[in-house]
Amino acid sequence: MEVLNQSKIDRLANEIGQENVPVLLEIFLGELAQYIETLSQEESFDVARYLKEISHALKSSAASFGAESLCAYAIEIDAAAKSGGEFDTDSIRSKMLTLLGETKQRYQQIYQSQ
């Protein structure tokens, strides 16, 4: 699965106007950076709860920006959270951090080229 679906970004640009994409992309990148920062903290906080919260939020924002891998994982985590199943926090946190980092890096490349 691709990290980035360029056709979704192109569709978004057509819907909102090409001139608005950098502004929204900057906001999206800021959200990703905040998620990475929080998940990277060694401080004690409810990681499982935070993963559930960001997964729910990422389902729509990642889908809107064509962040395919991140969106698919967010949907998977959100579904697992709603079903009340076991939650391997360390594994999920690690994979989420990887996907957030990859997505952020890929979108920064796009943002810098515009």
PDB file of N, CA and C in Angstrom:
ATOM      1  N   MET A   1       0.850  -1.185   0.000  1.00  0.00           N
ATOM      2  CA  MET A   1       0.000   0.000   0.000  1.00  0.00           C
ATOM      3  C   MET A   1       0.892   1.243   0.000  1.00  0.00           C
ATOM      4  N   GLU A   2       0.529   2.181  -0.801  1.00  0.00           N
ATOM      5  CA  GLU A   2       1.294   3.421  -0.919  1.00  0.00           C
ATOM      6  C   GLU A   2       1.133   4.301   0.311  1.00  0.00           C
ATOM      7  N   VAL A   3       2.195   5.011   0.650  1.00  0.00           N
ATOM      8  CA  VAL A   3       2.132   5.996   1.733  1.00  0.00           C
ATOM      9  C   VAL A   3       1.238   7.137   1.294  1.00  0.00           C
ATOM     10  N   LEU A   4       1.315   7.482   0.016  1.00  0.00           N
ATOM     11  CA  LEU A   4       0.644   8.661  -0.522  1.00  0.00           C
ATOM     12  C   LEU A   4      -0.113   8.306  -1.796  1.00  0.00           C
ATOM     13  N   ASN A   5      -1.340   8.743  -1.878  1.00  0.00           N
ATOM     14  CA  ASN A   5      -2.139   8.565  -3.083  1.00  0.00           C
ATOM     15  C   ASN A   5      -2.266   9.940  -3.744  1.00  0.00           C
ATOM     16  N   GLN A   6      -1.442  10.172  -4.744  1.00  0.00           N
ATOM     17  CA  GLN A   6      -1.383  11.481  -5.394  1.00  0.00           C
ATOM     18  C   GLN A   6      -2.714  11.874  -6.021  1.00  0.00           C
ATOM     19  N   SER A   7      -3.471  10.910  -6.523  1.00  0.00           N
ATOM     20  CA  SER A   7      -4.754  11.254  -7.145  1.00  0.00           C
ATOM     21  C   SER A   7      -5.732  11.847  -6.132  1.00  0.00           C
ATOM     22  N   LYS A   8      -5.664  11.400  -4.874  1.00  0.00           N
ATOM     23  CA  LYS A   8      -6.533  11.987  -3.838  1.00  0.00           C
ATOM     24  C   LYS A   8      -6.115  13.418  -3.530  1.00  0.00           C
ATOM     25  N   ILE A   9      -4.823  13.670  -3.528  1.00  0.00           N
ATOM     26  CA  ILE A   9      -4.352  15.044  -3.305  1.00  0.00           C
ATOM     27  C   ILE A   9      -4.778  15.929  -4.468  1.00  0.00           C
ATOM     28  N   ASP A  10      -4.666  15.414  -5.690  1.00  0.00           N
ATOM     29  CA  ASP A  10      -5.098  16.170  -6.865  1.00  0.00           C
ATOM     30  C   ASP A  10      -6.604  16.456  -6.810  1.00  0.00           C
ATOM     31  N   ARG A  11      -7.365  15.461  -6.383  1.00  0.00           N
ATOM     32  CA  ARG A  11      -8.816  15.634  -6.256  1.00  0.00           C
ATOM     33  C   ARG A  11      -9.131  16.692  -5.200  1.00  0.00           C
ATOM     34  N   LEU A  12      -8.418  16.643  -4.082  1.00  0.00           N
ATOM     35  CA  LEU A  12      -8.599  17.642  -3.024  1.00  0.00           C
ATOM     36  C   LEU A  12      -8.281  19.031  -3.563  1.00  0.00           C
ATOM     37  N   ALA A  13      -7.192  19.149  -4.318  1.00  0.00           N
ATOM     38  CA  ALA A  13      -6.799  20.447  -4.893  1.00  0.00           C
ATOM     39  C   ALA A  13      -7.874  20.970  -5.831  1.00  0.00           C
ATOM     40  N   ASN A  14      -8.503  20.093  -6.599  1.00  0.00           N
ATOM     41  CA  ASN A  14      -9.577  20.509  -7.496  1.00  0.00           C
ATOM     42  C   ASN A  14     -10.806  20.966  -6.722  1.00  0.00           C
ATOM     43  N   GLU A  15     -11.068  20.316  -5.605  1.00  0.00           N
ATOM     44  CA  GLU A  15     -12.239  20.651  -4.796  1.00  0.00           C
ATOM     45  C   GLU A  15     -12.071  21.958  -4.029  1.00  0.00           C
ATOM     46  N   ILE A  16     -10.892  22.181  -3.474  1.00  0.00           N
ATOM     47  CA  ILE A  16     -10.706  23.353  -2.605  1.00  0.00           C
ATOM     48  C   ILE A  16      -9.897  24.460  -3.253  1.00  0.00           C
ATOM     49  N   GLY A  17      -9.301  24.171  -4.399  1.00  0.00           N
ATOM     50  CA  GLY A  17      -8.455  25.150  -5.064  1.00  0.00           C
ATOM     51  C   GLY A  17      -6.993  24.883  -4.752  1.00  0.00           C
ATOM     52  N   GLN A  18      -6.180  24.846  -5.781  1.00  0.00           N
ATOM     53  CA  GLN A  18      -4.751  24.539  -5.634  1.00  0.00           C
ATOM     54  C   GLN A  18      -4.062  25.474  -4.643  1.00  0.00           C
ATOM     55  N   GLU A  19      -4.474  26.732  -4.614  1.00  0.00           N
ATOM     56  CA  GLU A  19      -3.840  27.710  -3.726  1.00  0.00           C
ATOM     57  C   GLU A  19      -4.080  27.411  -2.251  1.00  0.00           C
ATOM     58  N   ASN A  20      -5.119  26.628  -1.932  1.00  0.00           N
ATOM     59  CA  ASN A  20      -5.435  26.307  -0.542  1.00  0.00           C
ATOM     60  C   ASN A  20      -4.744  25.045  -0.035  1.00  0.00           C
ATOM     61  N   VAL A  21      -4.209  24.255  -0.938  1.00  0.00           N
ATOM     62  CA  VAL A  21      -3.578  22.997  -0.542  1.00  0.00           C
ATOM     63  C   VAL A  21      -2.399  23.212   0.402  1.00  0.00           C
ATOM     64  N   PRO A  22      -1.467  24.136   0.118  1.00  0.00           N
ATOM     65  CA  PRO A  22      -0.342  24.308   1.046  1.00  0.00           C
ATOM     66  C   PRO A  22      -0.768  24.666   2.469  1.00  0.00           C
ATOM     67  N   VAL A  23      -1.812  25.462   2.593  1.00  0.00           N
ATOM     68  CA  VAL A  23      -2.283  25.850   3.928  1.00  0.00           C
ATOM     69  C   VAL A  23      -2.814  24.628   4.678  1.00  0.00           C
ATOM     70  N   LEU A  24      -3.658  23.842   4.012  1.00  0.00           N
ATOM     71  CA  LEU A  24      -4.216  22.653   4.656  1.00  0.00           C
ATOM     72  C   LEU A  24      -3.148  21.590   4.899  1.00  0.00           C
ATOM     73  N   LEU A  25      -2.217  21.480   3.976  1.00  0.00           N
ATOM     74  CA  LEU A  25      -1.136  20.527   4.141  1.00  0.00           C
ATOM     75  C   LEU A  25      -0.262  20.897   5.338  1.00  0.00           C
ATOM     76  N   GLU A  26      -0.037  22.178   5.534  1.00  0.00           N
ATOM     77  CA  GLU A  26       0.741  22.637   6.692  1.00  0.00           C
ATOM     78  C   GLU A  26       0.029  22.274   7.998  1.00  0.00           C
ATOM     79  N   ILE A  27      -1.283  22.424   8.020  1.00  0.00           N
ATOM     80  CA  ILE A  27      -2.064  22.052   9.207  1.00  0.00           C
ATOM     81  C   ILE A  27      -1.964  20.552   9.450  1.00  0.00           C
ATOM     82  N   PHE A  28      -2.123  19.760   8.385  1.00  0.00           N
ATOM     83  CA  PHE A  28      -2.029  18.309   8.486  1.00  0.00           C
ATOM     84  C   PHE A  28      -0.648  17.883   8.988  1.00  0.00           C
ATOM     85  N   LEU A  29       0.399  18.488   8.454  1.00  0.00           N
ATOM     86  CA  LEU A  29       1.758  18.179   8.901  1.00  0.00           C
ATOM     87  C   LEU A  29       1.955  18.547  10.368  1.00  0.00           C
ATOM     88  N   GLY A  30       1.353  19.640  10.795  1.00  0.00           N
ATOM     89  CA  GLY A  30       1.419  20.034  12.197  1.00  0.00           C
ATOM     90  C   GLY A  30       0.760  19.008  13.100  1.00  0.00           C
ATOM     91  N   GLU A  31      -0.377  18.470  12.651  1.00  0.00           N
ATOM     92  CA  GLU A  31      -1.057  17.426  13.421  1.00  0.00           C
ATOM     93  C   GLU A  31      -0.184  16.178  13.524  1.00  0.00           C
ATOM     94  N   LEU A  32       0.407  15.785  12.399  1.00  0.00           N
ATOM     95  CA  LEU A  32       1.268  14.608  12.412  1.00  0.00           C
ATOM     96  C   LEU A  32       2.448  14.812  13.358  1.00  0.00           C
ATOM     97  N   ALA A  33       3.050  15.996  13.310  1.00  0.00           N
ATOM     98  CA  ALA A  33       4.185  16.303  14.186  1.00  0.00           C
ATOM     99  C   ALA A  33       3.771  16.234  15.656  1.00  0.00           C
ATOM    100  N   GLN A  34       2.587  16.727  15.970  1.00  0.00           N
ATOM    101  CA  GLN A  34       2.102  16.692  17.350  1.00  0.00           C
ATOM    102  C   GLN A  34       1.873  15.249  17.809  1.00  0.00           C
ATOM    103  N   TYR A  35       1.288  14.430  16.929  1.00  0.00           N
ATOM    104  CA  TYR A  35       1.074  13.024  17.275  1.00  0.00           C
ATOM    105  C   TYR A  35       2.415  12.327  17.531  1.00  0.00           C
ATOM    106  N   ILE A  36       3.393  12.587  16.665  1.00  0.00           N
ATOM    107  CA  ILE A  36       4.721  11.981  16.822  1.00  0.00           C
ATOM    108  C   ILE A  36       5.350  12.424  18.135  1.00  0.00           C
ATOM    109  N   GLU A  37       5.287  13.705  18.410  1.00  0.00           N
ATOM    110  CA  GLU A  37       5.874  14.237  19.645  1.00  0.00           C
ATOM    111  C   GLU A  37       5.250  13.594  20.872  1.00  0.00           C
ATOM    112  N   THR A  38       3.933  13.523  20.898  1.00  0.00           N
ATOM    113  CA  THR A  38       3.247  12.964  22.063  1.00  0.00           C
ATOM    114  C   THR A  38       3.540  11.478  22.219  1.00  0.00           C
ATOM    115  N   LEU A  39       3.473  10.720  21.111  1.00  0.00           N
ATOM    116  CA  LEU A  39       3.720   9.286  21.196  1.00  0.00           C
ATOM    117  C   LEU A  39       5.174   8.959  21.527  1.00  0.00           C
ATOM    118  N   SER A  40       6.073   9.877  21.258  1.00  0.00           N
ATOM    119  CA  SER A  40       7.495   9.659  21.523  1.00  0.00           C
ATOM    120  C   SER A  40       7.881   9.956  22.967  1.00  0.00           C
ATOM    121  N   GLN A  41       6.987  10.555  23.708  1.00  0.00           N
ATOM    122  CA  GLN A  41       7.278  10.919  25.094  1.00  0.00           C
ATOM    123  C   GLN A  41       7.468   9.676  25.951  1.00  0.00           C
ATOM    124  N   GLU A  42       8.423   9.755  26.831  1.00  0.00           N
ATOM    125  CA  GLU A  42       8.669   8.674  27.777  1.00  0.00           C
ATOM    126  C   GLU A  42       7.834   8.865  29.045  1.00  0.00           C
ATOM    127  N   GLU A  43       7.228  10.030  29.164  1.00  0.00           N
ATOM    128  CA  GLU A  43       6.427  10.318  30.352  1.00  0.00           C
ATOM    129  C   GLU A  43       5.250   9.352  30.440  1.00  0.00           C
ATOM    130  N   SER A  44       4.777   9.180  31.627  1.00  0.00           N
ATOM    131  CA  SER A  44       3.663   8.283  31.859  1.00  0.00           C
ATOM    132  C   SER A  44       2.353   8.966  31.462  1.00  0.00           C
ATOM    133  N   PHE A  45       1.678   8.393  30.506  1.00  0.00           N
ATOM    134  CA  PHE A  45       0.345   8.843  30.128  1.00  0.00           C
ATOM    135  C   PHE A  45      -0.389   7.650  29.539  1.00  0.00           C
ATOM    136  N   ASP A  46      -1.660   7.768  29.361  1.00  0.00           N
ATOM    137  CA  ASP A  46      -2.480   6.660  28.866  1.00  0.00           C
ATOM    138  C   ASP A  46      -2.287   6.521  27.357  1.00  0.00           C
ATOM    139  N   VAL A  47      -1.274   5.758  26.959  1.00  0.00           N
ATOM    140  CA  VAL A  47      -0.918   5.597  25.550  1.00  0.00           C
ATOM    141  C   VAL A  47      -2.051   4.935  24.781  1.00  0.00           C
ATOM    142  N   ALA A  48      -2.661   3.916  25.359  1.00  0.00           N
ATOM    143  CA  ALA A  48      -3.750   3.209  24.671  1.00  0.00           C
ATOM    144  C   ALA A  48      -4.895   4.172  24.350  1.00  0.00           C
ATOM    145  N   ARG A  49      -5.245   4.972  25.305  1.00  0.00           N
ATOM    146  CA  ARG A  49      -6.336   5.940  25.090  1.00  0.00           C
ATOM    147  C   ARG A  49      -5.959   6.945  24.007  1.00  0.00           C
ATOM    148  N   TYR A  50      -4.716   7.424  24.033  1.00  0.00           N
ATOM    149  CA  TYR A  50      -4.260   8.392  23.032  1.00  0.00           C
ATOM    150  C   TYR A  50      -4.249   7.770  21.637  1.00  0.00           C
ATOM    151  N   LEU A  51      -3.787   6.527  21.531  1.00  0.00           N
ATOM    152  CA  LEU A  51      -3.791   5.837  20.241  1.00  0.00           C
ATOM    153  C   LEU A  51      -5.206   5.703  19.691  1.00  0.00           C
ATOM    154  N   LYS A  52      -6.146   5.413  20.567  1.00  0.00           N
ATOM    155  CA  LYS A  52      -7.543   5.306  20.147  1.00  0.00           C
ATOM    156  C   LYS A  52      -8.058   6.660  19.656  1.00  0.00           C
ATOM    157  N   GLU A  53      -7.718   7.719  20.373  1.00  0.00           N
ATOM    158  CA  GLU A  53      -8.165   9.065  19.996  1.00  0.00           C
ATOM    159  C   GLU A  53      -7.592   9.497  18.648  1.00  0.00           C
ATOM    160  N   ILE A  54      -6.281   9.318  18.478  1.00  0.00           N
ATOM    161  CA  ILE A  54      -5.683   9.788  17.227  1.00  0.00           C
ATOM    162  C   ILE A  54      -6.100   8.903  16.054  1.00  0.00           C
ATOM    163  N   SER A  55      -6.299   7.621  16.301  1.00  0.00           N
ATOM    164  CA  SER A  55      -6.754   6.734  15.223  1.00  0.00           C
ATOM    165  C   SER A  55      -8.119   7.174  14.717  1.00  0.00           C
ATOM    166  N   HIS A  56      -8.978   7.529  15.637  1.00  0.00           N
ATOM    167  CA  HIS A  56     -10.312   8.012  15.237  1.00  0.00           C
ATOM    168  C   HIS A  56     -10.191   9.293  14.409  1.00  0.00           C
ATOM    169  N   ALA A  57      -9.343  10.211  14.846  1.00  0.00           N
ATOM    170  CA  ALA A  57      -9.162  11.475  14.122  1.00  0.00           C
ATOM    171  C   ALA A  57      -8.486  11.257  12.773  1.00  0.00           C
ATOM    172  N   LEU A  58      -7.510  10.356  12.730  1.00  0.00           N
ATOM    173  CA  LEU A  58      -6.756  10.131  11.501  1.00  0.00           C
ATOM    174  C   LEU A  58      -7.561   9.437  10.413  1.00  0.00           C
ATOM    175  N   LYS A  59      -8.596   8.720  10.792  1.00  0.00           N
ATOM    176  CA  LYS A  59      -9.397   8.041   9.770  1.00  0.00           C
ATOM    177  C   LYS A  59      -9.847   9.015   8.699  1.00  0.00           C
ATOM    178  N   SER A  60     -10.342  10.160   9.101  1.00  0.00           N
ATOM    179  CA  SER A  60     -10.850  11.115   8.107  1.00  0.00           C
ATOM    180  C   SER A  60      -9.774  12.033   7.559  1.00  0.00           C
ATOM    181  N   SER A  61      -8.891  12.537   8.415  1.00  0.00           N
ATOM    182  CA  SER A  61      -7.885  13.470   7.904  1.00  0.00           C
ATOM    183  C   SER A  61      -6.895  12.772   6.984  1.00  0.00           C
ATOM    184  N   ALA A  62      -6.451  11.583   7.341  1.00  0.00           N
ATOM    185  CA  ALA A  62      -5.520  10.845   6.481  1.00  0.00           C
ATOM    186  C   ALA A  62      -6.202  10.467   5.167  1.00  0.00           C
ATOM    187  N   ALA A  63      -7.461  10.103   5.230  1.00  0.00           N
ATOM    188  CA  ALA A  63      -8.202   9.766   4.007  1.00  0.00           C
ATOM    189  C   ALA A  63      -8.318  10.977   3.098  1.00  0.00           C
ATOM    190  N   SER A  64      -8.600  12.127   3.658  1.00  0.00           N
ATOM    191  CA  SER A  64      -8.743  13.349   2.862  1.00  0.00           C
ATOM    192  C   SER A  64      -7.464  13.713   2.134  1.00  0.00           C
ATOM    193  N   PHE A  65      -6.319  13.463   2.771  1.00  0.00           N
ATOM    194  CA  PHE A  65      -5.028  13.817   2.189  1.00  0.00           C
ATOM    195  C   PHE A  65      -4.371  12.669   1.431  1.00  0.00           C
ATOM    196  N   GLY A  66      -5.079  11.564   1.279  1.00  0.00           N
ATOM    197  CA  GLY A  66      -4.527  10.453   0.517  1.00  0.00           C
ATOM    198  C   GLY A  66      -3.407   9.717   1.213  1.00  0.00           C
ATOM    199  N   ALA A  67      -3.340   9.806   2.527  1.00  0.00           N
ATOM    200  CA  ALA A  67      -2.328   9.094   3.299  1.00  0.00           C
ATOM    201  C   ALA A  67      -2.826   7.661   3.504  1.00  0.00           C
ATOM    202  N   GLU A  68      -2.678   6.863   2.467  1.00  0.00           N
ATOM    203  CA  GLU A  68      -3.294   5.546   2.395  1.00  0.00           C
ATOM    204  C   GLU A  68      -2.884   4.608   3.527  1.00  0.00           C
ATOM    205  N   SER A  69      -1.600   4.422   3.737  1.00  0.00           N
ATOM    206  CA  SER A  69      -1.128   3.488   4.770  1.00  0.00           C
ATOM    207  C   SER A  69      -1.560   3.932   6.157  1.00  0.00           C
ATOM    208  N   LEU A  70      -1.415   5.206   6.429  1.00  0.00           N
ATOM    209  CA  LEU A  70      -1.790   5.747   7.726  1.00  0.00           C
ATOM    210  C   LEU A  70      -3.295   5.627   7.950  1.00  0.00           C
ATOM    211  N   CYS A  71      -4.066   5.909   6.929  1.00  0.00           N
ATOM    212  CA  CYS A  71      -5.525   5.799   7.023  1.00  0.00           C
ATOM    213  C   CYS A  71      -5.943   4.358   7.300  1.00  0.00           C
ATOM    214  N   ALA A  72      -5.374   3.417   6.564  1.00  0.00           N
ATOM    215  CA  ALA A  72      -5.727   2.009   6.744  1.00  0.00           C
ATOM    216  C   ALA A  72      -5.399   1.537   8.164  1.00  0.00           C
ATOM    217  N   TYR A  73      -4.245   1.949   8.679  1.00  0.00           N
ATOM    218  CA  TYR A  73      -3.871   1.537  10.024  1.00  0.00           C
ATOM    219  C   TYR A  73      -4.774   2.199  11.065  1.00  0.00           C
ATOM    220  N   ALA A  74      -5.107   3.452  10.857  1.00  0.00           N
ATOM    221  CA  ALA A  74      -6.007   4.149  11.784  1.00  0.00           C
ATOM    222  C   ALA A  74      -7.371   3.466  11.824  1.00  0.00           C
ATOM    223  N   ILE A  75      -7.869   3.052  10.678  1.00  0.00           N
ATOM    224  CA  ILE A  75      -9.152   2.339  10.615  1.00  0.00           C
ATOM    225  C   ILE A  75      -9.059   1.020  11.383  1.00  0.00           C
ATOM    226  N   GLU A  76      -7.945   0.314  11.190  1.00  0.00           N
ATOM    227  CA  GLU A  76      -7.723  -0.963  11.882  1.00  0.00           C
ATOM    228  C   GLU A  76      -7.700  -0.776  13.396  1.00  0.00           C
ATOM    229  N   ILE A  77      -6.971   0.224  13.862  1.00  0.00           N
ATOM    230  CA  ILE A  77      -6.861   0.477  15.299  1.00  0.00           C
ATOM    231  C   ILE A  77      -8.198   0.941  15.875  1.00  0.00           C
ATOM    232  N   ASP A  78      -8.887   1.811  15.155  1.00  0.00           N
ATOM    233  CA  ASP A  78     -10.181   2.296  15.618  1.00  0.00           C
ATOM    234  C   ASP A  78     -11.182   1.143  15.742  1.00  0.00           C
ATOM    235  N   ALA A  79     -11.177   0.246  14.771  1.00  0.00           N
ATOM    236  CA  ALA A  79     -12.081  -0.906  14.818  1.00  0.00           C
ATOM    237  C   ALA A  79     -11.745  -1.817  15.994  1.00  0.00           C
ATOM    238  N   ALA A  80     -10.451  -2.050  16.219  1.00  0.00           N
ATOM    239  CA  ALA A  80     -10.031  -2.886  17.347  1.00  0.00           C
ATOM    240  C   ALA A  80     -10.432  -2.252  18.672  1.00  0.00           C
ATOM    241  N   ALA A  81     -10.288  -0.947  18.762  1.00  0.00           N
ATOM    242  CA  ALA A  81     -10.650  -0.238  19.993  1.00  0.00           C
ATOM    243  C   ALA A  81     -12.149  -0.337  20.256  1.00  0.00           C
ATOM    244  N   LYS A  82     -12.943  -0.207  19.206  1.00  0.00           N
ATOM    245  CA  LYS A  82     -14.400  -0.269  19.370  1.00  0.00           C
ATOM    246  C   LYS A  82     -14.893  -1.670  19.690  1.00  0.00           C
ATOM    247  N   SER A  83     -14.154  -2.682  19.238  1.00  0.00           N
ATOM    248  CA  SER A  83     -14.566  -4.059  19.505  1.00  0.00           C
ATOM    249  C   SER A  83     -14.189  -4.502  20.914  1.00  0.00           C
ATOM    250  N   GLY A  84     -13.335  -3.712  21.570  1.00  0.00           N
ATOM    251  CA  GLY A  84     -12.948  -4.023  22.937  1.00  0.00           C
ATOM    252  C   GLY A  84     -11.940  -5.151  23.050  1.00  0.00           C
ATOM    253  N   GLY A  85     -11.288  -5.473  21.956  1.00  0.00           N
ATOM    254  CA  GLY A  85     -10.305  -6.553  21.967  1.00  0.00           C
ATOM    255  C   GLY A  85      -9.016  -6.152  22.658  1.00  0.00           C
ATOM    256  N   GLU A  86      -8.087  -7.105  22.689  1.00  0.00           N
ATOM    257  CA  GLU A  86      -6.774  -6.870  23.264  1.00  0.00           C
ATOM    258  C   GLU A  86      -6.070  -5.758  22.495  1.00  0.00           C
ATOM    259  N   PHE A  87      -5.281  -4.985  23.214  1.00  0.00           N
ATOM    260  CA  PHE A  87      -4.618  -3.824  22.631  1.00  0.00           C
ATOM    261  C   PHE A  87      -3.143  -3.879  22.993  1.00  0.00           C
ATOM    262  N   ASP A  88      -2.291  -4.317  22.055  1.00  0.00           N
ATOM    263  CA  ASP A  88      -0.840  -4.384  22.274  1.00  0.00           C
ATOM    264  C   ASP A  88      -0.267  -2.982  22.071  1.00  0.00           C
ATOM    265  N   THR A  89      -0.281  -2.207  23.125  1.00  0.00           N
ATOM    266  CA  THR A  89       0.079  -0.798  23.063  1.00  0.00           C
ATOM    267  C   THR A  89       1.472  -0.557  22.503  1.00  0.00           C
ATOM    268  N   ASP A  90       2.452  -1.333  22.935  1.00  0.00           N
ATOM    269  CA  ASP A  90       3.825  -1.115  22.474  1.00  0.00           C
ATOM    270  C   ASP A  90       3.952  -1.335  20.968  1.00  0.00           C
ATOM    271  N   SER A  91       3.374  -2.402  20.475  1.00  0.00           N
ATOM    272  CA  SER A  91       3.434  -2.714  19.045  1.00  0.00           C
ATOM    273  C   SER A  91       2.692  -1.674  18.214  1.00  0.00           C
ATOM    274  N   ILE A  92       1.515  -1.314  18.668  1.00  0.00           N
ATOM    275  CA  ILE A  92       0.705  -0.328  17.945  1.00  0.00           C
ATOM    276  C   ILE A  92       1.392   1.027  17.957  1.00  0.00           C
ATOM    277  N   ARG A  93       1.923   1.408  19.092  1.00  0.00           N
ATOM    278  CA  ARG A  93       2.625   2.689  19.212  1.00  0.00           C
ATOM    279  C   ARG A  93       3.802   2.743  18.242  1.00  0.00           C
ATOM    280  N   SER A  94       4.577   1.673  18.198  1.00  0.00           N
ATOM    281  CA  SER A  94       5.747   1.612  17.327  1.00  0.00           C
ATOM    282  C   SER A  94       5.354   1.724  15.855  1.00  0.00           C
ATOM    283  N   LYS A  95       4.361   0.958  15.454  1.00  0.00           N
ATOM    284  CA  LYS A  95       3.928   1.000  14.054  1.00  0.00           C
ATOM    285  C   LYS A  95       3.315   2.361  13.718  1.00  0.00           C
ATOM    286  N   MET A  96       2.545   2.916  14.637  1.00  0.00           N
ATOM    287  CA  MET A  96       1.932   4.225  14.395  1.00  0.00           C
ATOM    288  C   MET A  96       3.008   5.290  14.234  1.00  0.00           C
ATOM    289  N   LEU A  97       4.036   5.254  15.090  1.00  0.00           N
ATOM    290  CA  LEU A  97       5.131   6.221  14.970  1.00  0.00           C
ATOM    291  C   LEU A  97       5.841   6.082  13.623  1.00  0.00           C
ATOM    292  N   THR A  98       6.055   4.858  13.183  1.00  0.00           N
ATOM    293  CA  THR A  98       6.687   4.628  11.887  1.00  0.00           C
ATOM    294  C   THR A  98       5.844   5.201  10.763  1.00  0.00           C
ATOM    295  N   LEU A  99       4.555   4.895  10.761  1.00  0.00           N
ATOM    296  CA  LEU A  99       3.668   5.391   9.704  1.00  0.00           C
ATOM    297  C   LEU A  99       3.519   6.908   9.738  1.00  0.00           C
ATOM    298  N   LEU A 100       3.424   7.469  10.930  1.00  0.00           N
ATOM    299  CA  LEU A 100       3.339   8.925  11.046  1.00  0.00           C
ATOM    300  C   LEU A 100       4.598   9.574  10.489  1.00  0.00           C
ATOM    301  N   GLY A 101       5.756   9.013  10.841  1.00  0.00           N
ATOM    302  CA  GLY A 101       7.025   9.564  10.359  1.00  0.00           C
ATOM    303  C   GLY A 101       7.167   9.460   8.849  1.00  0.00           C
ATOM    304  N   GLU A 102       6.837   8.303   8.290  1.00  0.00           N
ATOM    305  CA  GLU A 102       6.916   8.119   6.842  1.00  0.00           C
ATOM    306  C   GLU A 102       5.972   9.075   6.113  1.00  0.00           C
ATOM    307  N   THR A 103       4.775   9.189   6.633  1.00  0.00           N
ATOM    308  CA  THR A 103       3.773  10.057   6.011  1.00  0.00           C
ATOM    309  C   THR A 103       4.216  11.510   6.080  1.00  0.00           C
ATOM    310  N   LYS A 104       4.668  11.926   7.240  1.00  0.00           N
ATOM    311  CA  LYS A 104       5.131  13.308   7.408  1.00  0.00           C
ATOM    312  C   LYS A 104       6.275  13.615   6.450  1.00  0.00           C
ATOM    313  N   GLN A 105       7.230  12.722   6.358  1.00  0.00           N
ATOM    314  CA  GLN A 105       8.377  12.928   5.467  1.00  0.00           C
ATOM    315  C   GLN A 105       7.935  13.039   4.008  1.00  0.00           C
ATOM    316  N   ARG A 106       7.041  12.176   3.596  1.00  0.00           N
ATOM    317  CA  ARG A 106       6.567  12.189   2.199  1.00  0.00           C
ATOM    318  C   ARG A 106       5.810  13.481   1.888  1.00  0.00           C
ATOM    319  N   TYR A 107       4.975  13.912   2.791  1.00  0.00           N
ATOM    320  CA  TYR A 107       4.210  15.133   2.564  1.00  0.00           C
ATOM    321  C   TYR A 107       5.079  16.378   2.645  1.00  0.00           C
ATOM    322  N   GLN A 108       6.112  16.351   3.472  1.00  0.00           N
ATOM    323  CA  GLN A 108       7.034  17.483   3.521  1.00  0.00           C
ATOM    324  C   GLN A 108       7.740  17.646   2.185  1.00  0.00           C
ATOM    325  N   GLN A 109       8.048  16.537   1.538  1.00  0.00           N
ATOM    326  CA  GLN A 109       8.655  16.595   0.216  1.00  0.00           C
ATOM    327  C   GLN A 109       7.717  17.297  -0.775  1.00  0.00           C
ATOM    328  N   ILE A 110       6.452  16.986  -0.694  1.00  0.00           N
ATOM    329  CA  ILE A 110       5.464  17.627  -1.573  1.00  0.00           C
ATOM    330  C   ILE A 110       5.330  19.107  -1.230  1.00  0.00           C
ATOM    331  N   TYR A 111       5.224  19.399   0.067  1.00  0.00           N
ATOM    332  CA  TYR A 111       5.020  20.773   0.528  1.00  0.00           C
ATOM    333  C   TYR A 111       6.190  21.655   0.117  1.00  0.00           C
ATOM    334  N   GLN A 112       7.399  21.131   0.216  1.00  0.00           N
ATOM    335  CA  GLN A 112       8.577  21.913  -0.134  1.00  0.00           C
ATOM    336  C   GLN A 112       8.697  22.127  -1.635  1.00  0.00           C
ATOM    337  N   SER A 113       8.111  21.235  -2.419  1.00  0.00           N
ATOM    338  CA  SER A 113       8.213  21.372  -3.879  1.00  0.00           C
ATOM    339  C   SER A 113       7.143  22.304  -4.444  1.00  0.00           C
ATOM    340  N   GLN A 114       6.195  22.728  -3.622  1.00  0.00           N
ATOM    341  CA  GLN A 114       5.126  23.598  -4.128  1.00  0.00           C
ATOM    342  C   GLN A 114       5.506  25.046  -3.994  1.00  0.00           C
TER     343      GLN A 114
END
